[in-house]
Amino acid sequence: FSGNFLGDATYAGDATGTVTTGAILGNSTGE
């Protein structure tokens, strides 16, 4: 990730990570 990001990320469902360390999105839930 590169750009002027603000604060922490928010998540819904199967999502983890940050713009600094990288993020993972699964599809184990509907959203």
PDB file of all heavy atoms in Angstrom:
ATOM      1  N   PHE A   1       0.840  -1.196   0.000  1.00  0.00           N
ATOM      2  CA  PHE A   1       0.000   0.000   0.000  1.00  0.00           C
ATOM      3  C   PHE A   1       0.880   1.253   0.000  1.00  0.00           C
ATOM      4  O   PHE A   1       1.886   1.318   0.708  1.00  0.00           O
ATOM      5  CB  PHE A   1      -0.875   0.046   1.254  1.00  0.00           C
ATOM      6  CG  PHE A   1      -2.049  -0.878   1.230  1.00  0.00           C
ATOM      7  CD1 PHE A   1      -1.944  -2.161   1.750  1.00  0.00           C
ATOM      8  CD2 PHE A   1      -3.260  -0.473   0.701  1.00  0.00           C
ATOM      9  CE1 PHE A   1      -3.036  -3.013   1.754  1.00  0.00           C
ATOM     10  CE2 PHE A   1      -4.359  -1.318   0.701  1.00  0.00           C
ATOM     11  CZ  PHE A   1      -4.246  -2.590   1.226  1.00  0.00           C
ATOM     12  N   SER A   2       0.510   2.243  -0.789  1.00  0.00           N
ATOM     13  CA  SER A   2       1.175   3.547  -0.722  1.00  0.00           C
ATOM     14  C   SER A   2       0.130   4.634  -0.898  1.00  0.00           C
ATOM     15  O   SER A   2      -0.845   4.472  -1.632  1.00  0.00           O
ATOM     16  CB  SER A   2       2.273   3.665  -1.778  1.00  0.00           C
ATOM     17  OG  SER A   2       1.713   3.724  -3.064  1.00  0.00           O
ATOM     18  N   GLY A   3       0.316   5.744  -0.173  1.00  0.00           N
ATOM     19  CA  GLY A   3      -0.624   6.851  -0.213  1.00  0.00           C
ATOM     20  C   GLY A   3      -0.766   7.456   1.167  1.00  0.00           C
ATOM     21  O   GLY A   3      -0.161   6.995   2.128  1.00  0.00           O
ATOM     22  N   ASN A   4      -1.581   8.476   1.282  1.00  0.00           N
ATOM     23  CA  ASN A   4      -1.770   9.205   2.535  1.00  0.00           C
ATOM     24  C   ASN A   4      -2.962   8.625   3.294  1.00  0.00           C
ATOM     25  O   ASN A   4      -4.073   9.159   3.235  1.00  0.00           O
ATOM     26  CB  ASN A   4      -1.962  10.697   2.245  1.00  0.00           C
ATOM     27  CG  ASN A   4      -1.876  11.534   3.500  1.00  0.00           C
ATOM     28  OD1 ASN A   4      -1.606  11.034   4.584  1.00  0.00           O
ATOM     29  ND2 ASN A   4      -2.119  12.822   3.352  1.00  0.00           N
ATOM     30  N   PHE A   5      -2.716   7.521   4.013  1.00  0.00           N
ATOM     31  CA  PHE A   5      -3.773   6.847   4.760  1.00  0.00           C
ATOM     32  C   PHE A   5      -3.889   7.431   6.161  1.00  0.00           C
ATOM     33  O   PHE A   5      -2.909   7.891   6.737  1.00  0.00           O
ATOM     34  CB  PHE A   5      -3.498   5.346   4.830  1.00  0.00           C
ATOM     35  CG  PHE A   5      -3.503   4.679   3.488  1.00  0.00           C
ATOM     36  CD1 PHE A   5      -2.324   4.342   2.855  1.00  0.00           C
ATOM     37  CD2 PHE A   5      -4.699   4.412   2.841  1.00  0.00           C
ATOM     38  CE1 PHE A   5      -2.316   3.732   1.615  1.00  0.00           C
ATOM     39  CE2 PHE A   5      -4.714   3.804   1.598  1.00  0.00           C
ATOM     40  CZ  PHE A   5      -3.525   3.469   0.981  1.00  0.00           C
ATOM     41  N   LEU A   6      -5.094   7.378   6.720  1.00  0.00           N
ATOM     42  CA  LEU A   6      -5.369   7.940   8.045  1.00  0.00           C
ATOM     43  C   LEU A   6      -5.819   6.849   9.010  1.00  0.00           C
ATOM     44  O   LEU A   6      -6.717   6.071   8.696  1.00  0.00           O
ATOM     45  CB  LEU A   6      -6.485   8.981   7.967  1.00  0.00           C
ATOM     46  CG  LEU A   6      -6.257  10.199   7.087  1.00  0.00           C
ATOM     47  CD1 LEU A   6      -7.550  10.992   6.964  1.00  0.00           C
ATOM     48  CD2 LEU A   6      -5.168  11.063   7.681  1.00  0.00           C
ATOM     49  N   GLY A   7      -5.227   6.804  10.194  1.00  0.00           N
ATOM     50  CA  GLY A   7      -5.716   5.942  11.270  1.00  0.00           C
ATOM     51  C   GLY A   7      -5.747   4.469  10.926  1.00  0.00           C
ATOM     52  O   GLY A   7      -5.060   3.988  10.022  1.00  0.00           O
ATOM     53  N   ASP A   8      -6.571   3.759  11.686  1.00  0.00           N
ATOM     54  CA  ASP A   8      -6.688   2.315  11.545  1.00  0.00           C
ATOM     55  C   ASP A   8      -7.819   1.950  10.585  1.00  0.00           C
ATOM     56  O   ASP A   8      -8.770   2.709  10.413  1.00  0.00           O
ATOM     57  CB  ASP A   8      -6.957   1.669  12.900  1.00  0.00           C
ATOM     58  CG  ASP A   8      -5.787   1.832  13.862  1.00  0.00           C
ATOM     59  OD1 ASP A   8      -4.639   1.902  13.378  1.00  0.00           O
ATOM     60  OD2 ASP A   8      -6.027   1.905  15.081  1.00  0.00           O
ATOM     61  N   ALA A   9      -7.712   0.769  10.027  1.00  0.00           N
ATOM     62  CA  ALA A   9      -8.760   0.262   9.136  1.00  0.00           C
ATOM     63  C   ALA A   9      -9.926  -0.261   9.960  1.00  0.00           C
ATOM     64  O   ALA A   9      -9.782  -0.574  11.149  1.00  0.00           O
ATOM     65  CB  ALA A   9      -8.192  -0.849   8.261  1.00  0.00           C
ATOM     66  N   THR A  10     -11.074  -0.355   9.329  1.00  0.00           N
ATOM     67  CA  THR A  10     -12.222  -1.026   9.931  1.00  0.00           C
ATOM     68  C   THR A  10     -12.518  -2.266   9.090  1.00  0.00           C
ATOM     69  O   THR A  10     -12.200  -2.317   7.904  1.00  0.00           O
ATOM     70  CB  THR A  10     -13.462  -0.109   9.991  1.00  0.00           C
ATOM     71  OG1 THR A  10     -13.778   0.328   8.665  1.00  0.00           O
ATOM     72  CG2 THR A  10     -13.201   1.097  10.881  1.00  0.00           C
ATOM     73  N   TYR A  11     -13.133  -3.256   9.719  1.00  0.00           N
ATOM     74  CA  TYR A  11     -13.330  -4.551   9.078  1.00  0.00           C
ATOM     75  C   TYR A  11     -14.779  -4.985   9.169  1.00  0.00           C
ATOM     76  O   TYR A  11     -15.476  -4.664  10.118  1.00  0.00           O
ATOM     77  CB  TYR A  11     -12.475  -5.629   9.752  1.00  0.00           C
ATOM     78  CG  TYR A  11     -11.051  -5.233   9.984  1.00  0.00           C
ATOM     79  CD1 TYR A  11     -10.618  -4.818  11.236  1.00  0.00           C
ATOM     80  CD2 TYR A  11     -10.128  -5.266   8.948  1.00  0.00           C
ATOM     81  CE1 TYR A  11      -9.304  -4.450  11.459  1.00  0.00           C
ATOM     82  CE2 TYR A  11      -8.806  -4.901   9.156  1.00  0.00           C
ATOM     83  CZ  TYR A  11      -8.403  -4.494  10.416  1.00  0.00           C
ATOM     84  OH  TYR A  11      -7.103  -4.126  10.626  1.00  0.00           O
ATOM     85  N   ALA A  12     -15.193  -5.765   8.195  1.00  0.00           N
ATOM     86  CA  ALA A  12     -16.478  -6.458   8.234  1.00  0.00           C
ATOM     87  C   ALA A  12     -16.228  -7.873   7.730  1.00  0.00           C
ATOM     88  O   ALA A  12     -15.540  -8.068   6.726  1.00  0.00           O
ATOM     89  CB  ALA A  12     -17.508  -5.754   7.373  1.00  0.00           C
ATOM     90  N   GLY A  13     -16.748  -8.851   8.431  1.00  0.00           N
ATOM     91  CA  GLY A  13     -16.605 -10.241   8.004  1.00  0.00           C
ATOM     92  C   GLY A  13     -15.187 -10.764   8.144  1.00  0.00           C
ATOM     93  O   GLY A  13     -14.496 -10.482   9.123  1.00  0.00           O
ATOM     94  N   ASP A  14     -14.740 -11.484   7.143  1.00  0.00           N
ATOM     95  CA  ASP A  14     -13.453 -12.176   7.149  1.00  0.00           C
ATOM     96  C   ASP A  14     -12.358 -11.265   6.590  1.00  0.00           C
ATOM     97  O   ASP A  14     -11.893 -11.446   5.469  1.00  0.00           O
ATOM     98  CB  ASP A  14     -13.584 -13.456   6.325  1.00  0.00           C
ATOM     99  CG  ASP A  14     -12.377 -14.377   6.458  1.00  0.00           C
ATOM    100  OD1 ASP A  14     -11.487 -14.077   7.268  1.00  0.00           O
ATOM    101  OD2 ASP A  14     -12.350 -15.391   5.746  1.00  0.00           O
ATOM    102  N   ALA A  15     -11.948 -10.249   7.376  1.00  0.00           N
ATOM    103  CA  ALA A  15     -10.928  -9.291   6.938  1.00  0.00           C
ATOM    104  C   ALA A  15      -9.986  -9.001   8.102  1.00  0.00           C
ATOM    105  O   ALA A  15     -10.429  -8.847   9.240  1.00  0.00           O
ATOM    106  CB  ALA A  15     -11.581  -8.002   6.460  1.00  0.00           C
ATOM    107  N   THR A  16      -8.683  -8.927   7.809  1.00  0.00           N
ATOM    108  CA  THR A  16      -7.683  -8.620   8.827  1.00  0.00           C
ATOM    109  C   THR A  16      -6.551  -7.825   8.194  1.00  0.00           C
ATOM    110  O   THR A  16      -6.431  -7.757   6.974  1.00  0.00           O
ATOM    111  CB  THR A  16      -7.075  -9.900   9.446  1.00  0.00           C
ATOM    112  OG1 THR A  16      -6.436 -10.649   8.399  1.00  0.00           O
ATOM    113  CG2 THR A  16      -8.119 -10.758  10.124  1.00  0.00           C
ATOM    114  N   GLY A  17      -5.675  -7.247   9.047  1.00  0.00           N
ATOM    115  CA  GLY A  17      -4.465  -6.605   8.574  1.00  0.00           C
ATOM    116  C   GLY A  17      -4.533  -5.094   8.589  1.00  0.00           C
ATOM    117  O   GLY A  17      -5.517  -4.493   9.034  1.00  0.00           O
ATOM    118  N   THR A  18      -3.448  -4.493   8.088  1.00  0.00           N
ATOM    119  CA  THR A  18      -3.335  -3.039   8.023  1.00  0.00           C
ATOM    120  C   THR A  18      -2.688  -2.664   6.693  1.00  0.00           C
ATOM    121  O   THR A  18      -2.132  -3.519   6.002  1.00  0.00           O
ATOM    122  CB  THR A  18      -2.455  -2.485   9.163  1.00  0.00           C
ATOM    123  OG1 THR A  18      -1.101  -2.921   8.953  1.00  0.00           O
ATOM    124  CG2 THR A  18      -2.932  -2.947  10.529  1.00  0.00           C
ATOM    125  N   VAL A  19      -2.706  -1.364   6.376  1.00  0.00           N
ATOM    126  CA  VAL A  19      -2.030  -0.919   5.160  1.00  0.00           C
ATOM    127  C   VAL A  19      -0.508  -1.008   5.326  1.00  0.00           C
ATOM    128  O   VAL A  19       0.215  -1.075   4.341  1.00  0.00           O
ATOM    129  CB  VAL A  19      -2.450   0.513   4.759  1.00  0.00           C
ATOM    130  CG1 VAL A  19      -3.902   0.545   4.331  1.00  0.00           C
ATOM    131  CG2 VAL A  19      -2.177   1.516   5.853  1.00  0.00           C
ATOM    132  N   THR A  20      -0.020  -1.034   6.547  1.00  0.00           N
ATOM    133  CA  THR A  20       1.420  -1.136   6.804  1.00  0.00           C
ATOM    134  C   THR A  20       1.925  -2.561   6.627  1.00  0.00           C
ATOM    135  O   THR A  20       2.948  -2.796   5.981  1.00  0.00           O
ATOM    136  CB  THR A  20       1.748  -0.645   8.234  1.00  0.00           C
ATOM    137  OG1 THR A  20       1.237   0.669   8.396  1.00  0.00           O
ATOM    138  CG2 THR A  20       3.240  -0.648   8.476  1.00  0.00           C
ATOM    139  N   THR A  21       1.204  -3.525   7.190  1.00  0.00           N
ATOM    140  CA  THR A  21       1.648  -4.920   7.162  1.00  0.00           C
ATOM    141  C   THR A  21       1.024  -5.731   6.037  1.00  0.00           C
ATOM    142  O   THR A  21       1.450  -6.844   5.769  1.00  0.00           O
ATOM    143  CB  THR A  21       1.317  -5.604   8.491  1.00  0.00           C
ATOM    144  OG1 THR A  21      -0.104  -5.595   8.683  1.00  0.00           O
ATOM    145  CG2 THR A  21       2.001  -4.913   9.655  1.00  0.00           C
ATOM    146  N   GLY A  22      -0.003  -5.189   5.402  1.00  0.00           N
ATOM    147  CA  GLY A  22      -0.745  -5.930   4.389  1.00  0.00           C
ATOM    148  C   GLY A  22      -2.046  -6.442   4.976  1.00  0.00           C
ATOM    149  O   GLY A  22      -2.187  -6.577   6.197  1.00  0.00           O
ATOM    150  N   ALA A  23      -3.006  -6.693   4.136  1.00  0.00           N
ATOM    151  CA  ALA A  23      -4.328  -7.130   4.591  1.00  0.00           C
ATOM    152  C   ALA A  23      -4.736  -8.396   3.866  1.00  0.00           C
ATOM    153  O   ALA A  23      -4.258  -8.689   2.767  1.00  0.00           O
ATOM    154  CB  ALA A  23      -5.351  -6.024   4.341  1.00  0.00           C
ATOM    155  N   ILE A  24      -5.631  -9.136   4.508  1.00  0.00           N
ATOM    156  CA  ILE A  24      -6.163 -10.370   3.929  1.00  0.00           C
ATOM    157  C   ILE A  24      -7.678 -10.318   4.005  1.00  0.00           C
ATOM    158  O   ILE A  24      -8.254 -10.025   5.045  1.00  0.00           O
ATOM    159  CB  ILE A  24      -5.638 -11.608   4.678  1.00  0.00           C
ATOM    160  CG1 ILE A  24      -4.119 -11.711   4.533  1.00  0.00           C
ATOM    161  CG2 ILE A  24      -6.319 -12.868   4.162  1.00  0.00           C
ATOM    162  CD1 ILE A  24      -3.492 -12.822   5.334  1.00  0.00           C
ATOM    163  N   LEU A  25      -8.307 -10.584   2.872  1.00  0.00           N
ATOM    164  CA  LEU A  25      -9.761 -10.692   2.797  1.00  0.00           C
ATOM    165  C   LEU A  25     -10.112 -12.121   2.407  1.00  0.00           C
ATOM    166  O   LEU A  25      -9.671 -12.608   1.369  1.00  0.00           O
ATOM    167  CB  LEU A  25     -10.326  -9.741   1.746  1.00  0.00           C
ATOM    168  CG  LEU A  25     -10.409  -8.266   2.097  1.00  0.00           C
ATOM    169  CD1 LEU A  25     -10.687  -7.443   0.848  1.00  0.00           C
ATOM    170  CD2 LEU A  25     -11.480  -8.033   3.129  1.00  0.00           C
ATOM    171  N   GLY A  26     -10.862 -12.793   3.258  1.00  0.00           N
ATOM    172  CA  GLY A  26     -11.366 -14.119   2.912  1.00  0.00           C
ATOM    173  C   GLY A  26     -12.792 -14.000   2.422  1.00  0.00           C
ATOM    174  O   GLY A  26     -13.382 -12.913   2.439  1.00  0.00           O
ATOM    175  N   ASN A  27     -13.366 -15.101   2.008  1.00  0.00           N
ATOM    176  CA  ASN A  27     -14.767 -15.074   1.579  1.00  0.00           C
ATOM    177  C   ASN A  27     -15.589 -16.110   2.331  1.00  0.00           C
ATOM    178  O   ASN A  27     -16.535 -16.665   1.808  1.00  0.00           O
ATOM    179  CB  ASN A  27     -14.891 -15.259   0.067  1.00  0.00           C
ATOM    180  CG  ASN A  27     -14.466 -16.642  -0.383  1.00  0.00           C
ATOM    181  OD1 ASN A  27     -13.882 -17.402   0.384  1.00  0.00           O
ATOM    182  ND2 ASN A  27     -14.747 -16.972  -1.620  1.00  0.00           N
ATOM    183  N   SER A  28     -15.209 -16.362   3.604  1.00  0.00           N
ATOM    184  CA  SER A  28     -15.915 -17.371   4.377  1.00  0.00           C
ATOM    185  C   SER A  28     -17.270 -16.886   4.884  1.00  0.00           C
ATOM    186  O   SER A  28     -18.093 -17.682   5.308  1.00  0.00           O
ATOM    187  CB  SER A  28     -15.050 -17.823   5.564  1.00  0.00           C
ATOM    188  OG  SER A  28     -14.799 -16.732   6.430  1.00  0.00           O
ATOM    189  N   THR A  29     -17.487 -15.559   4.861  1.00  0.00           N
ATOM    190  CA  THR A  29     -18.798 -15.030   5.230  1.00  0.00           C
ATOM    191  C   THR A  29     -19.372 -14.292   4.019  1.00  0.00           C
ATOM    192  O   THR A  29     -18.672 -14.063   3.037  1.00  0.00           O
ATOM    193  CB  THR A  29     -18.690 -14.057   6.429  1.00  0.00           C
ATOM    194  OG1 THR A  29     -17.896 -12.934   6.036  1.00  0.00           O
ATOM    195  CG2 THR A  29     -18.062 -14.731   7.629  1.00  0.00           C
ATOM    196  N   GLY A  30     -20.615 -13.879   4.098  1.00  0.00           N
ATOM    197  CA  GLY A  30     -21.266 -13.228   2.957  1.00  0.00           C
ATOM    198  C   GLY A  30     -20.712 -11.860   2.628  1.00  0.00           C
ATOM    199  O   GLY A  30     -20.557 -11.502   1.475  1.00  0.00           O
ATOM    200  N   GLU A  31     -20.408 -11.044   3.643  1.00  0.00           N
ATOM    201  CA  GLU A  31     -19.940  -9.676   3.433  1.00  0.00           C
ATOM    202  C   GLU A  31     -18.565  -9.514   4.067  1.00  0.00           C
ATOM    203  O   GLU A  31     -18.432  -9.620   5.290  1.00  0.00           O
ATOM    204  CB  GLU A  31     -20.919  -8.673   4.053  1.00  0.00           C
ATOM    205  CG  GLU A  31     -22.313  -8.725   3.455  1.00  0.00           C
ATOM    206  CD  GLU A  31     -22.357  -8.146   2.055  1.00  0.00           C
ATOM    207  OE1 GLU A  31     -21.662  -7.149   1.805  1.00  0.00           O
ATOM    208  OE2 GLU A  31     -23.070  -8.704   1.201  1.00  0.00           O
TER     209      GLU A  31
END
